Amino acid sequence: MLLLEYPRCSTCQKAKRYLEDKNFNFEVRNIVIDKLNINELDRLIKKSEKDINKFFNTSGLKYRELKLKDKIQTMSYEEKIQILSTDGMLVKRPLLELDDTVLIGFRENEWNNVLGI
């Protein structure tokens, strides 16, 4: 189990605390310092079975600075994955990679269901 997070993000802190409280063994990766490359992103997106647009941190400053709200509607998958790979702050977080899926963001009910709690 791998938690992809930005340590200063309050939602990531909640997710990490949740996993610790439930005694899960997990690794942590700082998504800003150790960015996801194109191959890693592609694998996570496919594993999640979610649209790539769900992987954008739409509330982030960088997303707004780059005016991605308007641009991503016409971008190709390759263009989207390329831009996500440039800056960890563009990626929705936390991401929790499990053996068979990827959870995007922290919603406790969803995590409970997927983790069998």
N, C-alpha and C. Protein backbone atom coordinates (compact mmCIF):
# COMPACT_ATOMS: atom_id res chain seq x y z
N MET A 1 0.86 -1.16 0.00
CA MET A 1 0.00 0.00 0.00
C MET A 1 0.91 1.23 0.00
N LEU A 2 0.64 2.14 -0.92
CA LEU A 2 1.46 3.34 -1.06
C LEU A 2 0.57 4.57 -0.98
N LEU A 3 0.91 5.48 -0.06
CA LEU A 3 0.21 6.75 0.09
C LEU A 3 1.04 7.83 -0.59
N LEU A 4 0.48 8.42 -1.63
CA LEU A 4 1.13 9.52 -2.33
C LEU A 4 0.53 10.80 -1.78
N GLU A 5 1.37 11.62 -1.17
CA GLU A 5 0.86 12.76 -0.42
C GLU A 5 1.76 13.98 -0.55
N TYR A 6 1.22 15.10 -0.10
CA TYR A 6 1.98 16.32 0.13
C TYR A 6 1.84 16.57 1.63
N PRO A 7 2.94 16.46 2.40
CA PRO A 7 2.85 16.48 3.86
C PRO A 7 2.14 17.71 4.46
N ARG A 8 2.17 18.84 3.78
CA ARG A 8 1.53 20.04 4.33
C ARG A 8 0.03 20.12 4.01
N CYS A 9 -0.47 19.18 3.25
CA CYS A 9 -1.89 19.14 2.87
C CYS A 9 -2.70 18.55 4.03
N SER A 10 -3.70 19.28 4.50
CA SER A 10 -4.49 18.81 5.65
C SER A 10 -5.26 17.53 5.32
N THR A 11 -5.73 17.39 4.10
CA THR A 11 -6.45 16.17 3.72
C THR A 11 -5.49 14.97 3.71
N CYS A 12 -4.28 15.19 3.26
CA CYS A 12 -3.27 14.12 3.28
C CYS A 12 -2.95 13.73 4.72
N GLN A 13 -2.86 14.70 5.59
CA GLN A 13 -2.60 14.43 7.00
C GLN A 13 -3.72 13.59 7.60
N LYS A 14 -4.97 13.90 7.25
CA LYS A 14 -6.11 13.12 7.74
C LYS A 14 -6.04 11.69 7.23
N ALA A 15 -5.70 11.53 5.96
CA ALA A 15 -5.62 10.19 5.36
C ALA A 15 -4.52 9.37 6.03
N LYS A 16 -3.40 10.00 6.27
CA LYS A 16 -2.27 9.31 6.91
C LYS A 16 -2.65 8.90 8.33
N ARG A 17 -3.29 9.78 9.06
CA ARG A 17 -3.75 9.49 10.43
C ARG A 17 -4.77 8.33 10.42
N TYR A 18 -5.66 8.37 9.43
CA TYR A 18 -6.67 7.30 9.26
C TYR A 18 -5.97 5.95 9.10
N LEU A 19 -4.99 5.87 8.21
CA LEU A 19 -4.29 4.61 7.97
C LEU A 19 -3.53 4.16 9.22
N GLU A 20 -2.91 5.11 9.90
CA GLU A 20 -2.17 4.78 11.14
C GLU A 20 -3.13 4.28 12.21
N ASP A 21 -4.26 4.97 12.38
CA ASP A 21 -5.25 4.58 13.40
C ASP A 21 -5.81 3.18 13.14
N LYS A 22 -5.89 2.80 11.87
CA LYS A 22 -6.43 1.48 11.50
C LYS A 22 -5.32 0.42 11.42
N ASN A 23 -4.10 0.83 11.79
CA ASN A 23 -2.93 -0.07 11.83
C ASN A 23 -2.57 -0.70 10.48
N PHE A 24 -2.73 0.06 9.41
CA PHE A 24 -2.31 -0.41 8.10
C PHE A 24 -0.82 -0.17 7.93
N ASN A 25 -0.15 -1.10 7.28
CA ASN A 25 1.24 -0.90 6.90
C ASN A 25 1.24 -0.24 5.53
N PHE A 26 1.93 0.88 5.42
CA PHE A 26 1.95 1.60 4.15
C PHE A 26 3.24 2.38 4.02
N GLU A 27 3.60 2.60 2.77
CA GLU A 27 4.74 3.46 2.46
C GLU A 27 4.20 4.83 2.11
N VAL A 28 5.04 5.85 2.26
CA VAL A 28 4.65 7.22 1.97
C VAL A 28 5.62 7.79 0.94
N ARG A 29 5.05 8.53 0.00
CA ARG A 29 5.86 9.21 -1.01
C ARG A 29 5.37 10.64 -1.12
N ASN A 30 6.29 11.58 -0.98
CA ASN A 30 5.97 13.00 -1.14
C ASN A 30 5.86 13.28 -2.64
N ILE A 31 4.65 13.53 -3.09
CA ILE A 31 4.36 13.68 -4.51
C ILE A 31 4.95 14.96 -5.11
N VAL A 32 5.31 15.91 -4.25
CA VAL A 32 5.88 17.16 -4.73
C VAL A 32 7.40 17.03 -4.91
N ILE A 33 8.06 16.44 -3.94
CA ILE A 33 9.51 16.24 -4.04
C ILE A 33 9.84 15.12 -5.01
N ASP A 34 9.08 14.04 -4.94
CA ASP A 34 9.30 12.86 -5.78
C ASP A 34 8.12 12.71 -6.74
N LYS A 35 8.13 13.56 -7.79
CA LYS A 35 7.01 13.61 -8.74
C LYS A 35 6.79 12.27 -9.43
N LEU A 36 5.54 12.06 -9.84
CA LEU A 36 5.20 10.88 -10.63
C LEU A 36 5.62 11.12 -12.08
N ASN A 37 6.26 10.14 -12.67
CA ASN A 37 6.61 10.29 -14.08
C ASN A 37 5.44 9.82 -14.96
N ILE A 38 5.57 9.99 -16.24
CA ILE A 38 4.48 9.67 -17.16
C ILE A 38 4.07 8.19 -17.06
N ASN A 39 5.04 7.29 -16.98
CA ASN A 39 4.71 5.86 -16.89
C ASN A 39 3.99 5.53 -15.59
N GLU A 40 4.43 6.12 -14.49
CA GLU A 40 3.76 5.88 -13.20
C GLU A 40 2.33 6.42 -13.23
N LEU A 41 2.17 7.62 -13.75
CA LEU A 41 0.83 8.21 -13.85
C LEU A 41 -0.09 7.36 -14.71
N ASP A 42 0.41 6.94 -15.84
CA ASP A 42 -0.39 6.11 -16.75
C ASP A 42 -0.84 4.83 -16.05
N ARG A 43 0.07 4.19 -15.34
CA ARG A 43 -0.25 2.95 -14.61
C ARG A 43 -1.31 3.21 -13.54
N LEU A 44 -1.15 4.30 -12.77
CA LEU A 44 -2.12 4.62 -11.71
C LEU A 44 -3.49 4.96 -12.27
N ILE A 45 -3.51 5.72 -13.35
CA ILE A 45 -4.78 6.10 -13.97
C ILE A 45 -5.52 4.86 -14.47
N LYS A 46 -4.80 3.99 -15.15
CA LYS A 46 -5.42 2.76 -15.67
C LYS A 46 -5.88 1.85 -14.53
N LYS A 47 -5.07 1.75 -13.49
CA LYS A 47 -5.41 0.92 -12.35
C LYS A 47 -6.65 1.44 -11.63
N SER A 48 -6.81 2.76 -11.60
CA SER A 48 -7.95 3.37 -10.90
C SER A 48 -9.26 3.17 -11.67
N GLU A 49 -9.14 2.99 -12.98
CA GLU A 49 -10.29 2.91 -13.89
C GLU A 49 -11.14 4.18 -13.85
N LYS A 50 -10.49 5.31 -13.53
CA LYS A 50 -11.15 6.60 -13.50
C LYS A 50 -10.62 7.46 -14.65
N ASP A 51 -11.40 8.47 -15.01
CA ASP A 51 -10.99 9.42 -16.04
C ASP A 51 -9.76 10.18 -15.55
N ILE A 52 -8.86 10.46 -16.46
CA ILE A 52 -7.63 11.18 -16.11
C ILE A 52 -7.93 12.54 -15.48
N ASN A 53 -9.05 13.15 -15.84
CA ASN A 53 -9.38 14.47 -15.28
C ASN A 53 -9.56 14.42 -13.76
N LYS A 54 -9.90 13.25 -13.21
CA LYS A 54 -10.04 13.09 -11.76
C LYS A 54 -8.70 13.23 -11.06
N PHE A 55 -7.61 13.12 -11.79
CA PHE A 55 -6.27 13.20 -11.20
C PHE A 55 -5.75 14.63 -11.09
N PHE A 56 -6.51 15.59 -11.60
CA PHE A 56 -6.08 16.99 -11.50
C PHE A 56 -6.55 17.60 -10.18
N ASN A 57 -5.65 18.32 -9.53
CA ASN A 57 -5.97 19.06 -8.32
C ASN A 57 -6.61 20.39 -8.74
N THR A 58 -7.90 20.34 -8.97
CA THR A 58 -8.61 21.50 -9.53
C THR A 58 -8.72 22.67 -8.57
N SER A 59 -8.42 22.46 -7.30
CA SER A 59 -8.50 23.57 -6.35
C SER A 59 -7.12 24.19 -6.08
N GLY A 60 -6.10 23.69 -6.75
CA GLY A 60 -4.75 24.17 -6.52
C GLY A 60 -4.42 25.46 -7.26
N LEU A 61 -3.47 26.20 -6.70
CA LEU A 61 -3.03 27.46 -7.30
C LEU A 61 -2.42 27.24 -8.68
N LYS A 62 -1.61 26.21 -8.80
CA LYS A 62 -0.93 25.93 -10.07
C LYS A 62 -1.96 25.64 -11.18
N TYR A 63 -3.00 24.90 -10.85
CA TYR A 63 -4.07 24.58 -11.79
C TYR A 63 -4.71 25.87 -12.31
N ARG A 64 -4.97 26.79 -11.39
CA ARG A 64 -5.58 28.07 -11.78
C ARG A 64 -4.59 28.95 -12.54
N GLU A 65 -3.33 28.99 -12.09
CA GLU A 65 -2.30 29.78 -12.77
C GLU A 65 -2.18 29.39 -14.25
N LEU A 66 -2.23 28.10 -14.49
CA LEU A 66 -2.08 27.58 -15.85
C LEU A 66 -3.39 27.60 -16.64
N LYS A 67 -4.47 28.05 -15.98
CA LYS A 67 -5.80 28.12 -16.61
C LYS A 67 -6.20 26.77 -17.23
N LEU A 68 -5.96 25.73 -16.46
CA LEU A 68 -6.23 24.37 -16.98
C LEU A 68 -7.70 24.05 -17.08
N LYS A 69 -8.53 24.74 -16.31
CA LYS A 69 -9.98 24.47 -16.36
C LYS A 69 -10.49 24.53 -17.79
N ASP A 70 -10.05 25.54 -18.51
CA ASP A 70 -10.48 25.72 -19.90
C ASP A 70 -9.71 24.81 -20.86
N LYS A 71 -8.44 24.59 -20.55
CA LYS A 71 -7.58 23.86 -21.49
C LYS A 71 -7.79 22.35 -21.49
N ILE A 72 -8.06 21.74 -20.32
CA ILE A 72 -8.08 20.27 -20.29
C ILE A 72 -9.23 19.68 -21.10
N GLN A 73 -10.25 20.47 -21.38
CA GLN A 73 -11.38 19.95 -22.15
C GLN A 73 -10.96 19.56 -23.57
N THR A 74 -9.95 20.23 -24.10
CA THR A 74 -9.52 19.96 -25.47
C THR A 74 -8.16 19.26 -25.56
N MET A 75 -7.55 19.00 -24.42
CA MET A 75 -6.25 18.34 -24.41
C MET A 75 -6.40 16.83 -24.63
N SER A 76 -5.41 16.24 -25.26
CA SER A 76 -5.38 14.78 -25.43
C SER A 76 -4.92 14.13 -24.13
N TYR A 77 -5.12 12.84 -24.03
CA TYR A 77 -4.65 12.08 -22.87
C TYR A 77 -3.15 12.30 -22.67
N GLU A 78 -2.41 12.23 -23.76
CA GLU A 78 -0.95 12.39 -23.70
C GLU A 78 -0.57 13.77 -23.19
N GLU A 79 -1.28 14.80 -23.62
CA GLU A 79 -0.99 16.16 -23.15
C GLU A 79 -1.32 16.30 -21.66
N LYS A 80 -2.41 15.70 -21.24
CA LYS A 80 -2.81 15.77 -19.83
C LYS A 80 -1.80 15.06 -18.94
N ILE A 81 -1.39 13.88 -19.34
CA ILE A 81 -0.45 13.11 -18.52
C ILE A 81 0.91 13.80 -18.48
N GLN A 82 1.28 14.42 -19.57
CA GLN A 82 2.54 15.16 -19.63
C GLN A 82 2.52 16.32 -18.62
N ILE A 83 1.45 17.08 -18.61
CA ILE A 83 1.38 18.23 -17.69
C ILE A 83 1.30 17.77 -16.23
N LEU A 84 0.58 16.68 -15.96
CA LEU A 84 0.52 16.15 -14.60
C LEU A 84 1.91 15.74 -14.10
N SER A 85 2.74 15.26 -15.00
CA SER A 85 4.08 14.78 -14.62
C SER A 85 5.05 15.92 -14.32
N THR A 86 4.69 17.14 -14.66
CA THR A 86 5.61 18.27 -14.48
C THR A 86 5.62 18.83 -13.07
N ASP A 87 4.55 18.62 -12.31
CA ASP A 87 4.45 19.26 -11.00
C ASP A 87 3.48 18.47 -10.11
N GLY A 88 4.00 17.97 -8.99
CA GLY A 88 3.19 17.19 -8.06
C GLY A 88 2.01 17.97 -7.50
N MET A 89 2.09 19.30 -7.50
CA MET A 89 1.00 20.12 -6.99
C MET A 89 -0.21 20.10 -7.93
N LEU A 90 -0.02 19.64 -9.15
CA LEU A 90 -1.14 19.55 -10.10
C LEU A 90 -1.96 18.28 -9.88
N VAL A 91 -1.39 17.33 -9.15
CA VAL A 91 -2.03 16.03 -8.97
C VAL A 91 -2.92 16.04 -7.73
N LYS A 92 -4.14 15.56 -7.90
CA LYS A 92 -5.09 15.42 -6.77
C LYS A 92 -4.47 14.51 -5.74
N ARG A 93 -4.63 14.88 -4.49
CA ARG A 93 -4.04 14.07 -3.44
C ARG A 93 -4.96 14.01 -2.24
N PRO A 94 -4.75 13.05 -1.39
CA PRO A 94 -3.80 11.95 -1.51
C PRO A 94 -4.26 10.92 -2.53
N LEU A 95 -3.29 10.15 -2.99
CA LEU A 95 -3.57 8.96 -3.80
C LEU A 95 -3.16 7.77 -2.95
N LEU A 96 -4.00 6.77 -2.90
CA LEU A 96 -3.65 5.54 -2.19
C LEU A 96 -3.65 4.41 -3.19
N GLU A 97 -2.46 3.87 -3.44
CA GLU A 97 -2.34 2.76 -4.37
C GLU A 97 -2.41 1.44 -3.61
N LEU A 98 -3.37 0.63 -4.01
CA LEU A 98 -3.54 -0.71 -3.47
C LEU A 98 -3.16 -1.72 -4.54
N ASP A 99 -3.23 -3.00 -4.21
CA ASP A 99 -2.87 -4.03 -5.19
C ASP A 99 -3.72 -3.94 -6.46
N ASP A 100 -5.01 -3.64 -6.30
CA ASP A 100 -5.92 -3.73 -7.44
C ASP A 100 -6.64 -2.44 -7.81
N THR A 101 -6.36 -1.35 -7.10
CA THR A 101 -7.03 -0.09 -7.42
C THR A 101 -6.24 1.09 -6.88
N VAL A 102 -6.72 2.28 -7.19
CA VAL A 102 -6.14 3.51 -6.68
C VAL A 102 -7.28 4.39 -6.19
N LEU A 103 -7.16 4.89 -4.97
CA LEU A 103 -8.14 5.81 -4.43
C LEU A 103 -7.62 7.23 -4.61
N ILE A 104 -8.50 8.11 -5.07
CA ILE A 104 -8.13 9.49 -5.38
C ILE A 104 -8.81 10.40 -4.38
N GLY A 105 -8.02 11.15 -3.61
CA GLY A 105 -8.60 12.00 -2.57
C GLY A 105 -8.97 11.16 -1.37
N PHE A 106 -9.30 11.80 -0.27
CA PHE A 106 -9.66 11.07 0.94
C PHE A 106 -11.12 11.30 1.27
N ARG A 107 -11.90 10.23 1.06
CA ARG A 107 -13.30 10.21 1.50
C ARG A 107 -13.42 8.96 2.36
N GLU A 108 -13.59 9.17 3.66
CA GLU A 108 -13.50 8.07 4.62
C GLU A 108 -14.45 6.92 4.30
N ASN A 109 -15.68 7.21 3.90
CA ASN A 109 -16.63 6.14 3.58
C ASN A 109 -16.13 5.28 2.42
N GLU A 110 -15.61 5.94 1.39
CA GLU A 110 -15.08 5.19 0.24
C GLU A 110 -13.89 4.34 0.67
N TRP A 111 -12.99 4.92 1.46
CA TRP A 111 -11.82 4.17 1.91
C TRP A 111 -12.25 2.99 2.78
N ASN A 112 -13.24 3.20 3.66
CA ASN A 112 -13.76 2.10 4.50
C ASN A 112 -14.26 0.96 3.63
N ASN A 113 -15.03 1.29 2.61
CA ASN A 113 -15.58 0.26 1.71
C ASN A 113 -14.50 -0.50 0.99
N VAL A 114 -13.56 0.22 0.41
CA VAL A 114 -12.51 -0.43 -0.37
C VAL A 114 -11.55 -1.23 0.52
N LEU A 115 -11.28 -0.71 1.70
CA LEU A 115 -10.35 -1.37 2.61
C LEU A 115 -11.03 -2.42 3.51
N GLY A 116 -12.35 -2.58 3.33
CA GLY A 116 -13.07 -3.61 4.06
C GLY A 116 -13.26 -3.34 5.54
N ILE A 117 -13.48 -2.08 5.86
CA ILE A 117 -13.66 -1.69 7.28
C ILE A 117 -15.14 -1.50 7.58
